[in-house]
N, C-alpha and C. Protein backbone atom coordinates (compact mmCIF):
# COMPACT_ATOMS: atom_id res chain seq x y z
N MET A 1 73.41 63.40 81.44
CA MET A 1 74.79 63.19 81.02
C MET A 1 75.53 64.51 81.01
N THR A 2 76.65 64.58 81.68
CA THR A 2 77.42 65.81 81.74
C THR A 2 78.21 66.00 80.47
N PRO A 3 78.10 67.14 79.80
CA PRO A 3 78.87 67.36 78.58
C PRO A 3 80.35 67.45 78.89
N PRO A 4 81.21 67.21 77.91
CA PRO A 4 82.63 67.14 78.16
C PRO A 4 83.24 68.48 78.52
N ASP A 5 84.25 68.41 79.36
CA ASP A 5 85.06 69.59 79.65
C ASP A 5 86.19 69.62 78.65
N PRO A 6 86.29 70.64 77.78
CA PRO A 6 87.34 70.67 76.76
C PRO A 6 88.72 70.57 77.36
N LYS A 7 88.90 70.97 78.62
CA LYS A 7 90.22 70.92 79.23
C LYS A 7 90.62 69.50 79.57
N SER A 8 89.64 68.57 79.57
CA SER A 8 89.92 67.21 79.98
C SER A 8 90.50 66.36 78.87
N ARG A 9 90.60 66.89 77.68
CA ARG A 9 91.14 66.11 76.57
C ARG A 9 92.25 66.89 75.88
N ASP A 10 92.90 66.19 75.01
CA ASP A 10 93.98 66.81 74.26
C ASP A 10 93.46 67.99 73.47
N PRO A 11 93.96 69.20 73.71
CA PRO A 11 93.43 70.37 73.01
C PRO A 11 93.77 70.39 71.54
N ARG A 12 94.68 69.51 71.13
CA ARG A 12 95.12 69.47 69.73
C ARG A 12 95.86 70.74 69.35
N LYS A 13 96.60 70.66 68.33
CA LYS A 13 97.43 71.79 67.94
C LYS A 13 96.65 72.83 67.16
N GLY A 14 95.57 72.42 66.48
CA GLY A 14 94.78 73.37 65.72
C GLY A 14 93.57 73.77 66.50
N PRO A 15 92.73 74.63 65.94
CA PRO A 15 92.94 75.27 64.66
C PRO A 15 93.86 76.48 64.78
N HIS A 16 94.66 76.72 63.79
CA HIS A 16 95.54 77.87 63.77
C HIS A 16 94.83 79.04 63.11
N ALA A 17 95.40 80.19 63.28
CA ALA A 17 94.80 81.38 62.67
C ALA A 17 94.79 81.24 61.16
N ALA A 18 93.69 81.66 60.55
CA ALA A 18 93.58 81.60 59.10
C ALA A 18 94.57 82.57 58.47
N PRO A 19 94.99 82.33 57.23
CA PRO A 19 95.94 83.23 56.57
C PRO A 19 95.38 84.62 56.40
N ALA A 20 94.09 84.75 56.43
CA ALA A 20 93.45 86.06 56.42
C ALA A 20 92.10 85.89 57.09
N ASN A 21 91.48 86.97 57.48
CA ASN A 21 90.18 86.90 58.10
C ASN A 21 89.21 86.13 57.22
N THR A 22 88.45 85.18 57.83
CA THR A 22 87.52 84.36 57.05
C THR A 22 86.52 85.22 56.30
N GLU A 23 86.05 86.29 56.95
CA GLU A 23 85.09 87.18 56.31
C GLU A 23 85.68 87.79 55.04
N VAL A 24 86.95 88.17 55.11
CA VAL A 24 87.63 88.75 53.95
C VAL A 24 87.78 87.72 52.85
N LEU A 25 88.21 86.51 53.24
CA LEU A 25 88.40 85.46 52.24
C LEU A 25 87.09 85.07 51.56
N LEU A 26 86.01 84.99 52.34
CA LEU A 26 84.72 84.66 51.75
C LEU A 26 84.25 85.74 50.78
N SER A 27 84.49 86.98 51.16
CA SER A 27 84.12 88.09 50.28
C SER A 27 84.90 88.02 48.97
N ARG A 28 86.19 87.74 49.08
CA ARG A 28 87.01 87.64 47.87
C ARG A 28 86.61 86.43 47.04
N ALA A 29 86.26 85.31 47.73
CA ALA A 29 85.85 84.11 47.01
C ALA A 29 84.57 84.35 46.24
N ARG A 30 83.66 85.13 46.82
CA ARG A 30 82.41 85.45 46.12
C ARG A 30 82.67 86.24 44.85
N SER A 31 83.76 86.95 44.85
CA SER A 31 84.12 87.76 43.69
C SER A 31 84.89 86.96 42.64
N GLY A 32 85.04 85.66 42.89
CA GLY A 32 85.72 84.81 41.93
C GLY A 32 87.21 84.67 42.15
N ASP A 33 87.69 85.08 43.31
CA ASP A 33 89.11 85.01 43.62
C ASP A 33 89.49 83.56 43.94
N ARG A 34 90.15 82.90 43.01
CA ARG A 34 90.52 81.51 43.20
C ARG A 34 91.53 81.34 44.33
N ALA A 35 92.43 82.30 44.49
CA ALA A 35 93.42 82.22 45.56
C ALA A 35 92.75 82.23 46.93
N ALA A 36 91.68 83.01 47.06
CA ALA A 36 90.95 83.06 48.34
C ALA A 36 90.29 81.71 48.62
N LYS A 37 89.69 81.09 47.59
CA LYS A 37 89.09 79.77 47.77
C LYS A 37 90.14 78.74 48.19
N ASN A 38 91.30 78.79 47.55
CA ASN A 38 92.36 77.86 47.89
C ASN A 38 92.86 78.07 49.32
N ALA A 39 92.92 79.33 49.74
CA ALA A 39 93.35 79.64 51.12
C ALA A 39 92.35 79.07 52.12
N LEU A 40 91.06 79.19 51.82
CA LEU A 40 90.04 78.63 52.70
C LEU A 40 90.13 77.11 52.75
N ILE A 41 90.35 76.49 51.60
CA ILE A 41 90.50 75.03 51.55
C ILE A 41 91.70 74.58 52.38
N ARG A 42 92.84 75.24 52.20
CA ARG A 42 94.05 74.85 52.93
C ARG A 42 93.86 74.98 54.44
N HIS A 43 93.14 76.02 54.85
CA HIS A 43 92.97 76.25 56.28
C HIS A 43 91.95 75.30 56.90
N TYR A 44 90.82 75.08 56.23
CA TYR A 44 89.72 74.35 56.85
C TYR A 44 89.77 72.84 56.66
N ILE A 45 90.44 72.35 55.64
CA ILE A 45 90.52 70.90 55.44
C ILE A 45 91.08 70.18 56.68
N PRO A 46 92.22 70.59 57.24
CA PRO A 46 92.74 69.87 58.42
C PRO A 46 91.79 69.95 59.62
N ILE A 47 91.15 71.11 59.83
CA ILE A 47 90.22 71.27 60.94
C ILE A 47 89.04 70.32 60.78
N LEU A 48 88.47 70.28 59.58
CA LEU A 48 87.31 69.44 59.32
C LEU A 48 87.66 67.96 59.33
N GLU A 49 88.85 67.61 58.87
CA GLU A 49 89.26 66.20 58.88
C GLU A 49 89.42 65.70 60.31
N ARG A 50 90.01 66.52 61.19
CA ARG A 50 90.12 66.12 62.59
C ARG A 50 88.74 65.93 63.20
N TRP A 51 87.84 66.86 62.88
CA TRP A 51 86.48 66.80 63.43
C TRP A 51 85.71 65.57 62.93
N ALA A 52 85.89 65.23 61.66
CA ALA A 52 85.09 64.17 61.03
C ALA A 52 85.62 62.78 61.29
N ARG A 53 86.77 62.67 61.94
CA ARG A 53 87.39 61.36 62.14
C ARG A 53 86.42 60.37 62.77
N GLY A 54 86.23 59.25 62.12
CA GLY A 54 85.42 58.18 62.67
C GLY A 54 83.93 58.28 62.44
N ARG A 55 83.46 59.32 61.75
CA ARG A 55 82.01 59.50 61.63
C ARG A 55 81.38 58.64 60.53
N LEU A 56 82.17 58.15 59.60
CA LEU A 56 81.62 57.26 58.58
C LEU A 56 81.80 55.82 59.03
N PRO A 57 80.72 55.04 59.14
CA PRO A 57 80.82 53.66 59.63
C PRO A 57 81.78 52.83 58.79
N GLY A 58 82.39 51.85 59.45
CA GLY A 58 83.38 51.02 58.78
C GLY A 58 82.84 50.30 57.56
N TYR A 59 81.57 49.86 57.63
CA TYR A 59 81.02 49.11 56.51
C TYR A 59 80.82 49.96 55.27
N ALA A 60 80.89 51.30 55.41
CA ALA A 60 80.71 52.18 54.25
C ALA A 60 82.04 52.65 53.68
N ARG A 61 83.13 52.34 54.35
CA ARG A 61 84.41 52.92 53.93
C ARG A 61 85.03 52.25 52.72
N ASP A 62 84.46 51.11 52.29
CA ASP A 62 84.98 50.52 51.07
C ASP A 62 84.47 51.27 49.84
N ILE A 63 83.46 52.12 50.05
CA ILE A 63 82.90 52.90 48.95
C ILE A 63 83.46 54.33 48.98
N SER A 64 83.43 54.94 50.13
CA SER A 64 83.91 56.30 50.27
C SER A 64 84.71 56.44 51.55
N ASP A 65 85.64 57.34 51.56
CA ASP A 65 86.43 57.65 52.72
C ASP A 65 85.92 58.95 53.33
N THR A 66 85.94 59.02 54.66
CA THR A 66 85.45 60.23 55.32
C THR A 66 86.18 61.47 54.84
N MET A 67 87.49 61.35 54.63
CA MET A 67 88.26 62.51 54.21
C MET A 67 87.87 62.97 52.80
N ASP A 68 87.49 61.99 51.96
CA ASP A 68 87.01 62.35 50.63
C ASP A 68 85.73 63.16 50.73
N ILE A 69 84.84 62.74 51.63
CA ILE A 69 83.58 63.45 51.81
C ILE A 69 83.83 64.86 52.32
N VAL A 70 84.77 65.02 53.24
CA VAL A 70 85.11 66.34 53.77
C VAL A 70 85.59 67.25 52.66
N GLN A 71 86.53 66.77 51.87
CA GLN A 71 87.11 67.61 50.82
C GLN A 71 86.08 67.97 49.76
N ILE A 72 85.31 66.97 49.33
CA ILE A 72 84.30 67.22 48.30
C ILE A 72 83.25 68.21 48.81
N SER A 73 82.83 68.04 50.06
CA SER A 73 81.82 68.93 50.64
C SER A 73 82.32 70.36 50.72
N LEU A 74 83.55 70.55 51.15
CA LEU A 74 84.11 71.90 51.26
C LEU A 74 84.23 72.55 49.90
N ILE A 75 84.72 71.80 48.92
CA ILE A 75 84.86 72.35 47.57
C ILE A 75 83.51 72.72 46.98
N ARG A 76 82.50 71.87 47.20
CA ARG A 76 81.16 72.17 46.68
C ARG A 76 80.58 73.42 47.33
N VAL A 77 80.79 73.57 48.63
CA VAL A 77 80.31 74.77 49.32
C VAL A 77 80.97 76.01 48.75
N LEU A 78 82.27 75.94 48.53
CA LEU A 78 82.98 77.11 48.01
C LEU A 78 82.64 77.38 46.55
N ASP A 79 82.26 76.35 45.82
CA ASP A 79 81.85 76.56 44.44
C ASP A 79 80.52 77.32 44.37
N LYS A 80 79.75 77.26 45.47
CA LYS A 80 78.47 77.98 45.53
C LYS A 80 78.50 79.00 46.67
N VAL A 81 79.68 79.58 46.88
CA VAL A 81 79.88 80.46 48.03
C VAL A 81 79.00 81.70 47.97
N GLU A 82 78.56 82.06 46.77
CA GLU A 82 77.70 83.24 46.65
C GLU A 82 76.33 83.01 47.29
N GLU A 83 75.97 81.74 47.52
CA GLU A 83 74.70 81.41 48.16
C GLU A 83 74.80 81.43 49.68
N PHE A 84 76.02 81.57 50.19
CA PHE A 84 76.23 81.53 51.64
C PHE A 84 76.29 82.96 52.16
N GLU A 85 75.31 83.34 52.97
CA GLU A 85 75.22 84.72 53.43
C GLU A 85 76.07 85.03 54.66
N PRO A 86 76.03 84.21 55.73
CA PRO A 86 76.84 84.54 56.90
C PRO A 86 78.32 84.60 56.55
N THR A 87 79.05 85.46 57.24
CA THR A 87 80.45 85.67 56.90
C THR A 87 81.41 85.29 58.01
N ARG A 88 80.96 85.22 59.23
CA ARG A 88 81.89 84.94 60.32
C ARG A 88 82.30 83.47 60.33
N GLU A 89 83.46 83.22 60.88
CA GLU A 89 84.02 81.88 60.88
C GLU A 89 83.12 80.89 61.59
N GLY A 90 82.51 81.31 62.71
CA GLY A 90 81.64 80.39 63.45
C GLY A 90 80.47 79.92 62.61
N ALA A 91 79.83 80.83 61.90
CA ALA A 91 78.69 80.46 61.05
C ALA A 91 79.15 79.60 59.88
N PHE A 92 80.32 79.91 59.33
CA PHE A 92 80.85 79.16 58.20
C PHE A 92 81.14 77.71 58.62
N LEU A 93 81.79 77.52 59.77
CA LEU A 93 82.09 76.17 60.23
C LEU A 93 80.82 75.41 60.58
N ALA A 94 79.85 76.09 61.18
CA ALA A 94 78.59 75.43 61.50
C ALA A 94 77.89 74.95 60.23
N TYR A 95 77.94 75.78 59.19
CA TYR A 95 77.35 75.42 57.90
C TYR A 95 78.07 74.22 57.29
N LEU A 96 79.40 74.23 57.35
CA LEU A 96 80.17 73.11 56.82
C LEU A 96 79.89 71.84 57.62
N ARG A 97 79.77 71.97 58.92
CA ARG A 97 79.46 70.82 59.78
C ARG A 97 78.15 70.18 59.35
N ARG A 98 77.11 70.99 59.17
CA ARG A 98 75.81 70.45 58.75
C ARG A 98 75.91 69.80 57.38
N THR A 99 76.63 70.45 56.47
CA THR A 99 76.77 69.93 55.11
C THR A 99 77.43 68.56 55.11
N ILE A 100 78.51 68.43 55.88
CA ILE A 100 79.25 67.17 55.91
C ILE A 100 78.44 66.08 56.60
N LEU A 101 77.77 66.42 57.71
CA LEU A 101 76.93 65.43 58.38
C LEU A 101 75.83 64.91 57.45
N ASN A 102 75.21 65.82 56.70
CA ASN A 102 74.17 65.41 55.76
C ASN A 102 74.74 64.51 54.67
N GLN A 103 75.94 64.84 54.20
CA GLN A 103 76.56 64.03 53.16
C GLN A 103 76.91 62.64 53.68
N ILE A 104 77.37 62.58 54.94
CA ILE A 104 77.68 61.28 55.54
C ILE A 104 76.40 60.45 55.71
N ARG A 105 75.34 61.10 56.14
CA ARG A 105 74.05 60.38 56.26
C ARG A 105 73.60 59.84 54.92
N ASN A 106 73.74 60.67 53.88
CA ASN A 106 73.36 60.24 52.54
C ASN A 106 74.20 59.04 52.09
N GLU A 107 75.50 59.08 52.43
CA GLU A 107 76.39 57.99 52.04
C GLU A 107 76.00 56.70 52.76
N ILE A 108 75.64 56.81 54.05
CA ILE A 108 75.21 55.64 54.81
C ILE A 108 73.96 55.04 54.19
N ARG A 109 73.00 55.90 53.86
CA ARG A 109 71.75 55.41 53.25
C ARG A 109 72.03 54.74 51.91
N ARG A 110 72.89 55.35 51.11
CA ARG A 110 73.19 54.80 49.78
C ARG A 110 73.84 53.43 49.89
N VAL A 111 74.80 53.31 50.81
CA VAL A 111 75.53 52.05 50.94
C VAL A 111 74.63 50.95 51.49
N THR A 112 73.80 51.30 52.48
CA THR A 112 72.98 50.27 53.12
C THR A 112 71.80 49.83 52.26
N ARG A 113 71.52 50.53 51.17
CA ARG A 113 70.48 50.09 50.24
C ARG A 113 70.99 49.01 49.30
N ARG A 114 72.30 48.87 49.22
CA ARG A 114 72.86 47.88 48.32
C ARG A 114 72.60 46.48 48.85
N PRO A 115 72.39 45.51 47.98
CA PRO A 115 72.13 44.13 48.41
C PRO A 115 73.26 43.61 49.30
N GLY A 116 72.85 42.96 50.40
CA GLY A 116 73.85 42.37 51.27
C GLY A 116 74.36 43.29 52.35
N ARG A 117 73.96 44.58 52.30
CA ARG A 117 74.41 45.51 53.33
C ARG A 117 73.51 45.40 54.55
N GLU A 118 74.11 45.66 55.73
CA GLU A 118 73.31 45.60 56.95
C GLU A 118 72.29 46.73 57.00
N GLU A 119 71.31 46.54 57.82
CA GLU A 119 70.22 47.51 57.95
C GLU A 119 70.77 48.85 58.41
N LEU A 120 70.22 49.89 57.85
CA LEU A 120 70.66 51.25 58.18
C LEU A 120 70.43 51.56 59.64
N VAL A 121 71.48 52.03 60.28
CA VAL A 121 71.36 52.50 61.66
C VAL A 121 71.27 54.01 61.62
N GLU A 122 70.20 54.56 62.18
CA GLU A 122 70.01 56.00 62.12
C GLU A 122 71.10 56.71 62.89
N GLY A 123 71.48 57.89 62.39
CA GLY A 123 72.52 58.68 63.04
C GLY A 123 73.84 58.46 62.34
N VAL A 124 74.84 59.25 62.69
CA VAL A 124 76.13 59.18 62.04
C VAL A 124 77.22 58.75 63.00
N SER A 125 76.85 58.24 64.14
CA SER A 125 77.84 57.96 65.16
C SER A 125 78.18 56.48 65.29
N GLU A 126 77.56 55.61 64.46
CA GLU A 126 77.84 54.19 64.56
C GLU A 126 79.10 53.86 63.78
N SER A 127 80.23 53.99 64.44
CA SER A 127 81.49 53.86 63.77
C SER A 127 82.44 53.00 64.58
N GLU A 128 83.35 52.34 63.92
CA GLU A 128 84.36 51.56 64.63
C GLU A 128 85.33 52.47 65.37
N GLU A 129 85.56 53.63 64.86
CA GLU A 129 86.51 54.57 65.45
C GLU A 129 85.74 55.81 65.89
N PRO A 130 85.62 56.06 67.21
CA PRO A 130 84.81 57.18 67.68
C PRO A 130 85.43 58.52 67.36
N SER A 131 84.56 59.51 67.16
CA SER A 131 85.04 60.87 66.99
C SER A 131 85.53 61.38 68.32
N PRO A 132 86.32 62.49 68.34
CA PRO A 132 86.82 63.02 69.61
C PRO A 132 85.71 63.31 70.62
N LEU A 133 84.58 63.84 70.15
CA LEU A 133 83.48 64.13 71.07
C LEU A 133 82.89 62.85 71.63
N GLU A 134 82.75 61.84 70.80
CA GLU A 134 82.21 60.56 71.24
C GLU A 134 83.12 59.91 72.28
N GLU A 135 84.44 60.11 72.14
CA GLU A 135 85.38 59.55 73.09
C GLU A 135 85.13 60.08 74.49
N VAL A 136 84.62 61.31 74.57
CA VAL A 136 84.41 61.95 75.86
C VAL A 136 83.04 61.62 76.44
N ILE A 137 81.97 61.74 75.64
CA ILE A 137 80.63 61.58 76.20
C ILE A 137 80.01 60.23 75.86
N GLY A 138 80.61 59.48 74.95
CA GLY A 138 80.08 58.16 74.60
C GLY A 138 79.05 58.22 73.50
N LYS A 139 78.97 57.16 72.72
CA LYS A 139 78.06 57.13 71.58
C LYS A 139 76.59 57.21 71.99
N ASP A 140 76.26 56.61 73.14
CA ASP A 140 74.86 56.58 73.56
C ASP A 140 74.30 57.97 73.80
N ALA A 141 75.18 58.92 74.14
CA ALA A 141 74.73 60.28 74.43
C ALA A 141 74.70 61.18 73.21
N MET A 142 75.20 60.71 72.08
CA MET A 142 75.33 61.58 70.92
C MET A 142 73.98 62.04 70.38
N ASP A 143 73.00 61.15 70.37
CA ASP A 143 71.68 61.55 69.88
C ASP A 143 71.08 62.63 70.76
N ARG A 144 71.22 62.45 72.08
CA ARG A 144 70.71 63.47 73.00
C ARG A 144 71.46 64.79 72.84
N TYR A 145 72.74 64.69 72.60
CA TYR A 145 73.54 65.90 72.37
C TYR A 145 73.05 66.65 71.13
N GLU A 146 72.84 65.92 70.03
CA GLU A 146 72.40 66.56 68.79
C GLU A 146 71.01 67.17 68.96
N ARG A 147 70.12 66.45 69.65
CA ARG A 147 68.77 66.98 69.85
C ARG A 147 68.81 68.22 70.75
N ALA A 148 69.63 68.18 71.78
CA ALA A 148 69.74 69.34 72.67
C ALA A 148 70.35 70.53 71.94
N LEU A 149 71.36 70.26 71.13
CA LEU A 149 72.02 71.33 70.39
C LEU A 149 71.05 72.07 69.49
N ALA A 150 70.13 71.33 68.88
CA ALA A 150 69.18 71.92 67.94
C ALA A 150 68.19 72.86 68.60
N THR A 151 68.11 72.82 69.93
CA THR A 151 67.15 73.69 70.62
C THR A 151 67.69 75.08 70.91
N PHE A 152 68.99 75.29 70.68
CA PHE A 152 69.61 76.57 71.03
C PHE A 152 69.60 77.54 69.86
N PRO A 153 69.68 78.85 70.15
CA PRO A 153 69.87 79.83 69.07
C PRO A 153 71.17 79.55 68.32
N GLU A 154 71.25 80.06 67.09
CA GLU A 154 72.39 79.74 66.23
C GLU A 154 73.73 80.11 66.86
N GLU A 155 73.83 81.29 67.46
CA GLU A 155 75.11 81.70 68.04
C GLU A 155 75.52 80.78 69.17
N THR A 156 74.54 80.35 69.98
CA THR A 156 74.84 79.43 71.07
C THR A 156 75.28 78.08 70.53
N GLN A 157 74.61 77.60 69.50
CA GLN A 157 75.02 76.35 68.86
C GLN A 157 76.46 76.46 68.37
N GLN A 158 76.76 77.57 67.72
CA GLN A 158 78.11 77.75 67.18
C GLN A 158 79.15 77.77 68.28
N ALA A 159 78.84 78.42 69.40
CA ALA A 159 79.78 78.48 70.52
C ALA A 159 80.07 77.08 71.05
N ILE A 160 79.01 76.27 71.20
CA ILE A 160 79.17 74.90 71.69
C ILE A 160 80.00 74.06 70.72
N VAL A 161 79.64 74.14 69.45
CA VAL A 161 80.33 73.34 68.43
C VAL A 161 81.80 73.73 68.33
N LEU A 162 82.07 75.02 68.31
CA LEU A 162 83.45 75.48 68.20
C LEU A 162 84.29 75.01 69.39
N ARG A 163 83.71 75.10 70.58
CA ARG A 163 84.47 74.75 71.79
C ARG A 163 84.60 73.24 71.96
N LEU A 164 83.50 72.51 71.84
CA LEU A 164 83.52 71.08 72.12
C LEU A 164 84.01 70.24 70.95
N GLU A 165 83.54 70.55 69.75
CA GLU A 165 83.81 69.68 68.61
C GLU A 165 85.08 70.07 67.85
N PHE A 166 85.32 71.36 67.74
CA PHE A 166 86.50 71.80 67.00
C PHE A 166 87.67 72.18 67.90
N GLY A 167 87.45 72.19 69.21
CA GLY A 167 88.54 72.44 70.14
C GLY A 167 89.06 73.86 70.16
N TYR A 168 88.23 74.83 69.80
CA TYR A 168 88.66 76.23 69.80
C TYR A 168 88.88 76.73 71.22
N THR A 169 89.88 77.57 71.40
CA THR A 169 90.07 78.25 72.66
C THR A 169 89.01 79.34 72.79
N HIS A 170 88.87 79.91 73.98
CA HIS A 170 87.91 81.00 74.15
C HIS A 170 88.30 82.21 73.30
N GLU A 171 89.58 82.43 73.15
CA GLU A 171 90.03 83.54 72.29
C GLU A 171 89.63 83.29 70.84
N GLN A 172 89.77 82.06 70.39
CA GLN A 172 89.39 81.72 69.02
C GLN A 172 87.88 81.76 68.84
N VAL A 173 87.12 81.35 69.87
CA VAL A 173 85.67 81.45 69.81
C VAL A 173 85.25 82.91 69.68
N ALA A 174 85.90 83.79 70.45
CA ALA A 174 85.59 85.22 70.38
C ALA A 174 85.80 85.75 68.97
N SER A 175 86.91 85.38 68.36
CA SER A 175 87.20 85.83 67.00
C SER A 175 86.21 85.26 66.00
N ALA A 176 85.90 83.97 66.15
CA ALA A 176 85.01 83.30 65.20
C ALA A 176 83.59 83.82 65.27
N LEU A 177 83.16 84.28 66.44
CA LEU A 177 81.79 84.75 66.62
C LEU A 177 81.68 86.27 66.62
N GLY A 178 82.81 86.96 66.48
CA GLY A 178 82.78 88.42 66.45
C GLY A 178 82.56 89.06 67.81
N LYS A 179 82.95 88.36 68.88
CA LYS A 179 82.83 88.92 70.22
C LYS A 179 83.98 89.90 70.48
N LYS A 180 83.69 90.94 71.23
CA LYS A 180 84.69 91.99 71.45
C LYS A 180 85.82 91.54 72.38
N THR A 181 85.51 90.65 73.31
CA THR A 181 86.52 90.21 74.28
C THR A 181 86.47 88.70 74.45
N THR A 182 87.60 88.15 74.93
CA THR A 182 87.65 86.74 75.26
C THR A 182 86.71 86.42 76.42
N SER A 183 86.59 87.36 77.35
CA SER A 183 85.71 87.16 78.50
C SER A 183 84.26 86.98 78.06
N ALA A 184 83.85 87.76 77.06
CA ALA A 184 82.49 87.63 76.55
C ALA A 184 82.26 86.26 75.94
N ALA A 185 83.25 85.75 75.22
CA ALA A 185 83.13 84.42 74.62
C ALA A 185 83.13 83.36 75.71
N ARG A 186 83.97 83.53 76.72
CA ARG A 186 84.03 82.56 77.82
C ARG A 186 82.68 82.49 78.54
N MET A 187 82.07 83.64 78.75
CA MET A 187 80.77 83.67 79.43
C MET A 187 79.70 82.99 78.58
N LEU A 188 79.72 83.27 77.26
CA LEU A 188 78.75 82.64 76.36
C LEU A 188 78.91 81.14 76.37
N VAL A 189 80.14 80.66 76.28
CA VAL A 189 80.41 79.22 76.27
C VAL A 189 80.00 78.58 77.59
N SER A 190 80.35 79.21 78.69
CA SER A 190 80.03 78.66 80.01
C SER A 190 78.53 78.51 80.20
N ARG A 191 77.79 79.55 79.84
CA ARG A 191 76.33 79.49 79.97
C ARG A 191 75.74 78.44 79.04
N ALA A 192 76.29 78.37 77.83
CA ALA A 192 75.79 77.41 76.85
C ALA A 192 76.02 75.98 77.32
N LEU A 193 77.20 75.70 77.87
CA LEU A 193 77.50 74.35 78.32
C LEU A 193 76.67 73.96 79.54
N LEU A 194 76.42 74.93 80.41
CA LEU A 194 75.58 74.65 81.57
C LEU A 194 74.16 74.30 81.12
N ARG A 195 73.64 75.08 80.17
CA ARG A 195 72.30 74.81 79.66
C ARG A 195 72.26 73.49 78.89
N LEU A 196 73.32 73.21 78.14
CA LEU A 196 73.40 71.94 77.42
C LEU A 196 73.35 70.77 78.39
N GLN A 197 74.08 70.89 79.48
CA GLN A 197 74.07 69.84 80.49
C GLN A 197 72.67 69.62 81.03
N GLN A 198 71.94 70.69 81.28
CA GLN A 198 70.59 70.59 81.81
C GLN A 198 69.64 69.93 80.82
N VAL A 199 69.73 70.37 79.57
CA VAL A 199 68.83 69.82 78.55
C VAL A 199 69.12 68.34 78.31
N MET A 200 70.39 67.97 78.26
CA MET A 200 70.75 66.57 78.05
C MET A 200 70.32 65.70 79.23
N ALA A 201 70.40 66.25 80.44
CA ALA A 201 70.01 65.50 81.62
C ALA A 201 68.50 65.25 81.63
N GLU A 202 67.76 66.19 81.10
CA GLU A 202 66.30 66.07 81.08
C GLU A 202 65.81 65.20 79.93
N ALA A 203 66.63 65.06 78.89
CA ALA A 203 66.21 64.31 77.71
C ALA A 203 66.25 62.81 77.99
N LYS A 204 65.32 62.10 77.39
CA LYS A 204 65.29 60.65 77.49
C LYS A 204 65.77 60.04 76.19
N PRO A 205 66.57 58.99 76.27
CA PRO A 205 67.01 58.34 75.04
C PRO A 205 65.82 57.90 74.21
N GLU A 206 65.93 58.07 72.88
CA GLU A 206 64.86 57.64 71.99
C GLU A 206 64.85 56.13 71.88
N ASP A 207 63.65 55.58 71.69
CA ASP A 207 63.54 54.12 71.54
C ASP A 207 64.16 53.68 70.23
């Protein structure tokens, strides 16, 4: 399965530049600066909400809303920001992505344990409304995508996630990963997507 070309879909208007460098805001937040935490919340909530659209199955939405999970997850992370060591935006977003996915999985399990609920479907992609990435590669490929993604080094994972899932430009990827030039980020992304395509093509769907 060929991974999506970010140019083939609506690039969306975000993400916009943060009000201050993420590294600076995280450092200030660790020091107890409430204004820095609020600045991070204001900046990342819209980005994460766009990314999370459609990831919570319809049958679970009478209990929780995806946007509620996003906001609660971000606030909880920032409340324990001193436990978060990486400082760059790419690592921060990757950490938030994992946190929110885990929370959505937990919500699915909790809801489907209730009497009368349908059997739990593994994964977080069984939704009435597909996420932007699912719209491009299809739900059937999402498991292979996640498994392939997990095989890469952290920086490569972050480059893929920022470009494909969050819609970052190469310039924004460079800033988020601390690359010196946009060309360096473009090369990293290009190589990562090529390798992702190869790994996904070699992977077999799980039974």
